[in-house]
Amino acid sequence: MNKTTFTENLENNQLIAVRKFNASIEKIRKAWGHKEFLCQWWAPAPYVCEILEMEFKQGGHWMYTMTGPEGDTYMGRMDYLTIREFEMIEAEEYFCDENGEKLGEVPPMHQKFEFESGDEITIITMTTTYASPEALQQMAEMGAAEGWELACNQLDELLTTL
């Protein structure tokens, strides 16, 4: 199984993750753009994801919950700023309430997912830009890198079935 490499760019408050997947870009797109598949890998185990709303298009958004084994639930929203099929997704992600309104405890994160594809290989580079060094530190303490690694492992497993 492939591993994710993480780099912190402290000057720009960024966490950069790079992961190679042994799958075509078409399979990656299917796993990313369809809620029945996205739910299967987005929340790092043992958390379970439920998608409440999803409109995978530029200007669209998706709202989801992640529920842990102890019943702890986090609600999030990702607003799609730019989607270039098979190349890049740019979005703002944040914790929210049931109406999709931002919660103040963690500032929004700017996400950029870039896709490089070859024959049955796709490399995804995720650059997350935080509002401040403190926000980057807060998310690091919450396990952002570990959570992304677990989600990528789940995506790897899902891709073998698509």
C-alpha atoms as a PDB file:
ATOM      1  CA  MET A   1       0.000   0.000   0.000  1.00  0.00           C
ATOM      2  CA  ASN A   2       1.243   3.477  -0.819  1.00  0.00           C
ATOM      3  CA  LYS A   3       1.955   6.016   1.892  1.00  0.00           C
ATOM      4  CA  THR A   4       1.265   9.735   1.940  1.00  0.00           C
ATOM      5  CA  THR A   5       4.120  12.185   2.256  1.00  0.00           C
ATOM      6  CA  PHE A   6       3.427  15.322   4.290  1.00  0.00           C
ATOM      7  CA  THR A   7       5.245  18.643   4.207  1.00  0.00           C
ATOM      8  CA  GLU A   8       4.499  21.701   6.306  1.00  0.00           C
ATOM      9  CA  ASN A   9       5.046  25.062   4.634  1.00  0.00           C
ATOM     10  CA  LEU A  10       5.023  27.198   7.770  1.00  0.00           C
ATOM     11  CA  GLU A  11       5.673  30.421   5.859  1.00  0.00           C
ATOM     12  CA  ASN A  12       2.316  30.018   4.067  1.00  0.00           C
ATOM     13  CA  ASN A  13       0.416  28.132   6.824  1.00  0.00           C
ATOM     14  CA  GLN A  14       0.100  25.068   4.593  1.00  0.00           C
ATOM     15  CA  LEU A  15       0.033  21.325   4.983  1.00  0.00           C
ATOM     16  CA  ILE A  16       0.881  19.584   1.713  1.00  0.00           C
ATOM     17  CA  ALA A  17       0.073  15.896   1.251  1.00  0.00           C
ATOM     18  CA  VAL A  18       1.095  13.820  -1.771  1.00  0.00           C
ATOM     19  CA  ARG A  19      -0.256  10.326  -2.391  1.00  0.00           C
ATOM     20  CA  LYS A  20       0.073   7.919  -5.310  1.00  0.00           C
ATOM     21  CA  PHE A  21      -2.878   5.666  -6.117  1.00  0.00           C
ATOM     22  CA  ASN A  22      -2.734   2.598  -8.345  1.00  0.00           C
ATOM     23  CA  ALA A  23      -5.874   3.593 -10.222  1.00  0.00           C
ATOM     24  CA  SER A  24      -6.928   5.534 -13.275  1.00  0.00           C
ATOM     25  CA  ILE A  25      -8.076   9.131 -12.985  1.00  0.00           C
ATOM     26  CA  GLU A  26     -11.550   7.980 -14.056  1.00  0.00           C
ATOM     27  CA  LYS A  27     -11.803   5.762 -10.959  1.00  0.00           C
ATOM     28  CA  ILE A  28     -10.522   8.603  -8.767  1.00  0.00           C
ATOM     29  CA  ARG A  29     -13.145  10.932 -10.259  1.00  0.00           C
ATOM     30  CA  LYS A  30     -15.877   8.360  -9.577  1.00  0.00           C
ATOM     31  CA  ALA A  31     -14.766   7.928  -5.950  1.00  0.00           C
ATOM     32  CA  TRP A  32     -14.567  11.709  -5.463  1.00  0.00           C
ATOM     33  CA  GLY A  33     -17.624  12.961  -7.318  1.00  0.00           C
ATOM     34  CA  HIS A  34     -20.351  10.481  -6.333  1.00  0.00           C
ATOM     35  CA  LYS A  35     -21.717  10.535  -2.807  1.00  0.00           C
ATOM     36  CA  GLU A  36     -22.264   6.771  -2.600  1.00  0.00           C
ATOM     37  CA  PHE A  37     -18.493   6.323  -3.017  1.00  0.00           C
ATOM     38  CA  LEU A  38     -17.218   9.481  -1.291  1.00  0.00           C
ATOM     39  CA  CYS A  39     -18.934   8.378   1.925  1.00  0.00           C
ATOM     40  CA  GLN A  40     -16.972   5.130   1.905  1.00  0.00           C
ATOM     41  CA  TRP A  41     -13.570   6.770   2.248  1.00  0.00           C
ATOM     42  CA  TRP A  42     -13.776  10.405   3.383  1.00  0.00           C
ATOM     43  CA  ALA A  43     -14.153   9.917   7.147  1.00  0.00           C
ATOM     44  CA  PRO A  44     -11.118   8.187   8.660  1.00  0.00           C
ATOM     45  CA  ALA A  45     -12.053   4.886  10.311  1.00  0.00           C
ATOM     46  CA  PRO A  46     -13.521   4.275  12.788  1.00  0.00           C
ATOM     47  CA  TYR A  47     -15.565   7.397  11.945  1.00  0.00           C
ATOM     48  CA  VAL A  48     -18.524   6.964   9.604  1.00  0.00           C
ATOM     49  CA  CYS A  49     -19.440   9.570   7.009  1.00  0.00           C
ATOM     50  CA  GLU A  50     -22.970  10.537   6.027  1.00  0.00           C
ATOM     51  CA  ILE A  51     -23.492  12.996   3.198  1.00  0.00           C
ATOM     52  CA  LEU A  52     -26.420  15.312   3.817  1.00  0.00           C
ATOM     53  CA  GLU A  53     -26.200  17.370   0.615  1.00  0.00           C
ATOM     54  CA  MET A  54     -23.966  17.139  -2.426  1.00  0.00           C
ATOM     55  CA  GLU A  55     -23.709  19.063  -5.653  1.00  0.00           C
ATOM     56  CA  PHE A  56     -20.348  18.222  -7.231  1.00  0.00           C
ATOM     57  CA  LYS A  57     -19.894  21.171  -9.543  1.00  0.00           C
ATOM     58  CA  GLN A  58     -18.164  24.512  -9.509  1.00  0.00           C
ATOM     59  CA  GLY A  59     -20.200  26.734  -7.190  1.00  0.00           C
ATOM     60  CA  GLY A  60     -21.759  23.673  -5.543  1.00  0.00           C
ATOM     61  CA  HIS A  61     -21.079  22.227  -2.120  1.00  0.00           C
ATOM     62  CA  TRP A  62     -21.427  19.180   0.044  1.00  0.00           C
ATOM     63  CA  MET A  63     -22.353  18.863   3.690  1.00  0.00           C
ATOM     64  CA  TYR A  64     -21.479  15.824   5.726  1.00  0.00           C
ATOM     65  CA  THR A  65     -21.287  14.412   9.205  1.00  0.00           C
ATOM     66  CA  MET A  66     -18.524  12.253  10.646  1.00  0.00           C
ATOM     67  CA  THR A  67     -19.623  10.149  13.601  1.00  0.00           C
ATOM     68  CA  GLY A  68     -17.208   8.294  15.840  1.00  0.00           C
ATOM     69  CA  PRO A  69     -17.686   5.046  17.739  1.00  0.00           C
ATOM     70  CA  GLU A  70     -18.454   6.973  20.934  1.00  0.00           C
ATOM     71  CA  GLY A  71     -21.226   8.927  19.214  1.00  0.00           C
ATOM     72  CA  ASP A  72     -19.193  12.118  18.807  1.00  0.00           C
ATOM     73  CA  THR A  73     -20.301  13.880  15.630  1.00  0.00           C
ATOM     74  CA  TYR A  74     -18.638  16.558  13.541  1.00  0.00           C
ATOM     75  CA  MET A  75     -20.438  18.353  10.762  1.00  0.00           C
ATOM     76  CA  GLY A  76     -18.555  19.857   7.849  1.00  0.00           C
ATOM     77  CA  ARG A  77     -19.157  21.641   4.603  1.00  0.00           C
ATOM     78  CA  MET A  78     -17.019  21.986   1.504  1.00  0.00           C
ATOM     79  CA  ASP A  79     -17.826  24.776  -0.954  1.00  0.00           C
ATOM     80  CA  TYR A  80     -16.449  24.034  -4.437  1.00  0.00           C
ATOM     81  CA  LEU A  81     -14.710  27.134  -5.785  1.00  0.00           C
ATOM     82  CA  THR A  82     -13.178  25.567  -8.904  1.00  0.00           C
ATOM     83  CA  ILE A  83     -13.521  22.155 -10.492  1.00  0.00           C
ATOM     84  CA  ARG A  84     -11.461  21.288 -13.550  1.00  0.00           C
ATOM     85  CA  GLU A  85     -12.353  17.712 -14.417  1.00  0.00           C
ATOM     86  CA  PHE A  86      -9.472  15.294 -13.921  1.00  0.00           C
ATOM     87  CA  GLU A  87      -7.068  18.148 -13.073  1.00  0.00           C
ATOM     88  CA  MET A  88      -7.956  20.127  -9.950  1.00  0.00           C
ATOM     89  CA  ILE A  89     -10.548  20.818  -7.277  1.00  0.00           C
ATOM     90  CA  GLU A  90     -10.325  23.961  -5.189  1.00  0.00           C
ATOM     91  CA  ALA A  91     -12.630  24.428  -2.218  1.00  0.00           C
ATOM     92  CA  GLU A  92     -13.186  26.005   1.150  1.00  0.00           C
ATOM     93  CA  GLU A  93     -13.877  23.519   3.932  1.00  0.00           C
ATOM     94  CA  TYR A  94     -15.098  24.269   7.425  1.00  0.00           C
ATOM     95  CA  PHE A  95     -16.946  22.888  10.394  1.00  0.00           C
ATOM     96  CA  CYS A  96     -20.584  23.946  10.340  1.00  0.00           C
ATOM     97  CA  ASP A  97     -23.947  23.655  12.052  1.00  0.00           C
ATOM     98  CA  GLU A  98     -26.979  21.800  10.677  1.00  0.00           C
ATOM     99  CA  ASN A  99     -27.804  24.822   8.478  1.00  0.00           C
ATOM    100  CA  GLY A 100     -24.345  24.864   6.888  1.00  0.00           C
ATOM    101  CA  GLU A 101     -23.271  27.976   8.802  1.00  0.00           C
ATOM    102  CA  LYS A 102     -19.603  28.206   9.789  1.00  0.00           C
ATOM    103  CA  LEU A 103     -18.685  27.417  13.372  1.00  0.00           C
ATOM    104  CA  GLY A 104     -16.059  29.640  14.926  1.00  0.00           C
ATOM    105  CA  GLU A 105     -13.812  27.204  16.813  1.00  0.00           C
ATOM    106  CA  VAL A 106     -11.727  26.276  13.744  1.00  0.00           C
ATOM    107  CA  PRO A 107     -11.226  28.776  10.899  1.00  0.00           C
ATOM    108  CA  PRO A 108     -12.086  27.635   7.345  1.00  0.00           C
ATOM    109  CA  MET A 109      -9.415  25.827   5.374  1.00  0.00           C
ATOM    110  CA  HIS A 110      -8.624  26.457   1.728  1.00  0.00           C
ATOM    111  CA  GLN A 111      -8.191  23.099  -0.029  1.00  0.00           C
ATOM    112  CA  LYS A 112      -6.569  22.478  -3.384  1.00  0.00           C
ATOM    113  CA  PHE A 113      -6.508  18.942  -4.781  1.00  0.00           C
ATOM    114  CA  GLU A 114      -4.370  18.474  -7.889  1.00  0.00           C
ATOM    115  CA  PHE A 115      -4.483  15.279  -9.946  1.00  0.00           C
ATOM    116  CA  GLU A 116      -1.670  13.932 -12.132  1.00  0.00           C
ATOM    117  CA  SER A 117      -2.521  10.804 -14.046  1.00  0.00           C
ATOM    118  CA  GLY A 118      -0.766   8.176 -16.117  1.00  0.00           C
ATOM    119  CA  ASP A 119      -1.551   4.596 -17.026  1.00  0.00           C
ATOM    120  CA  GLU A 120      -3.486   3.274 -14.036  1.00  0.00           C
ATOM    121  CA  ILE A 121      -1.555   5.614 -11.698  1.00  0.00           C
ATOM    122  CA  THR A 122      -2.866   8.858 -10.227  1.00  0.00           C
ATOM    123  CA  ILE A 123      -0.970  11.178  -7.919  1.00  0.00           C
ATOM    124  CA  ILE A 124      -3.026  13.532  -5.770  1.00  0.00           C
ATOM    125  CA  THR A 125      -1.445  16.574  -4.177  1.00  0.00           C
ATOM    126  CA  MET A 126      -3.576  18.162  -1.491  1.00  0.00           C
ATOM    127  CA  THR A 127      -2.540  21.605  -0.328  1.00  0.00           C
ATOM    128  CA  THR A 128      -4.443  22.873   2.691  1.00  0.00           C
ATOM    129  CA  THR A 129      -3.938  26.521   3.551  1.00  0.00           C
ATOM    130  CA  TYR A 130      -4.939  27.633   7.029  1.00  0.00           C
ATOM    131  CA  ALA A 131      -5.882  31.142   8.159  1.00  0.00           C
ATOM    132  CA  SER A 132      -2.957  31.408  10.577  1.00  0.00           C
ATOM    133  CA  PRO A 133      -0.061  29.486  12.110  1.00  0.00           C
ATOM    134  CA  GLU A 134      -2.308  28.872  15.123  1.00  0.00           C
ATOM    135  CA  ALA A 135      -5.009  27.305  12.929  1.00  0.00           C
ATOM    136  CA  LEU A 136      -2.409  25.053  11.288  1.00  0.00           C
ATOM    137  CA  GLN A 137      -1.176  24.011  14.736  1.00  0.00           C
ATOM    138  CA  GLN A 138      -4.735  23.434  15.973  1.00  0.00           C
ATOM    139  CA  MET A 139      -5.531  21.124  13.055  1.00  0.00           C
ATOM    140  CA  ALA A 140      -2.206  19.307  13.477  1.00  0.00           C
ATOM    141  CA  GLU A 141      -3.128  18.662  17.120  1.00  0.00           C
ATOM    142  CA  MET A 142      -6.551  17.413  16.013  1.00  0.00           C
ATOM    143  CA  GLY A 143      -4.790  14.812  13.816  1.00  0.00           C
ATOM    144  CA  ALA A 144      -5.345  16.264  10.339  1.00  0.00           C
ATOM    145  CA  ALA A 145      -2.391  14.414   8.787  1.00  0.00           C
ATOM    146  CA  GLU A 146      -3.244  11.117  10.462  1.00  0.00           C
ATOM    147  CA  GLY A 147      -6.886  11.473   9.412  1.00  0.00           C
ATOM    148  CA  TRP A 148      -5.943  12.157   5.801  1.00  0.00           C
ATOM    149  CA  GLU A 149      -3.630   9.120   5.785  1.00  0.00           C
ATOM    150  CA  LEU A 150      -6.449   6.888   7.056  1.00  0.00           C
ATOM    151  CA  ALA A 151      -8.876   8.329   4.478  1.00  0.00           C
ATOM    152  CA  CYS A 152      -6.336   7.719   1.687  1.00  0.00           C
ATOM    153  CA  ASN A 153      -5.900   4.114   2.847  1.00  0.00           C
ATOM    154  CA  GLN A 154      -9.678   3.690   2.635  1.00  0.00           C
ATOM    155  CA  LEU A 155      -9.692   5.294  -0.823  1.00  0.00           C
ATOM    156  CA  ASP A 156      -6.994   2.811  -1.895  1.00  0.00           C
ATOM    157  CA  GLU A 157      -9.229  -0.061  -0.792  1.00  0.00           C
ATOM    158  CA  LEU A 158     -12.322   1.373  -2.489  1.00  0.00           C
ATOM    159  CA  LEU A 159     -10.475   1.883  -5.781  1.00  0.00           C
ATOM    160  CA  THR A 160      -9.843  -1.857  -6.035  1.00  0.00           C
ATOM    161  CA  THR A 161     -13.623  -2.415  -6.245  1.00  0.00           C
ATOM    162  CA  LEU A 162     -14.525   0.295  -8.783  1.00  0.00           C
END
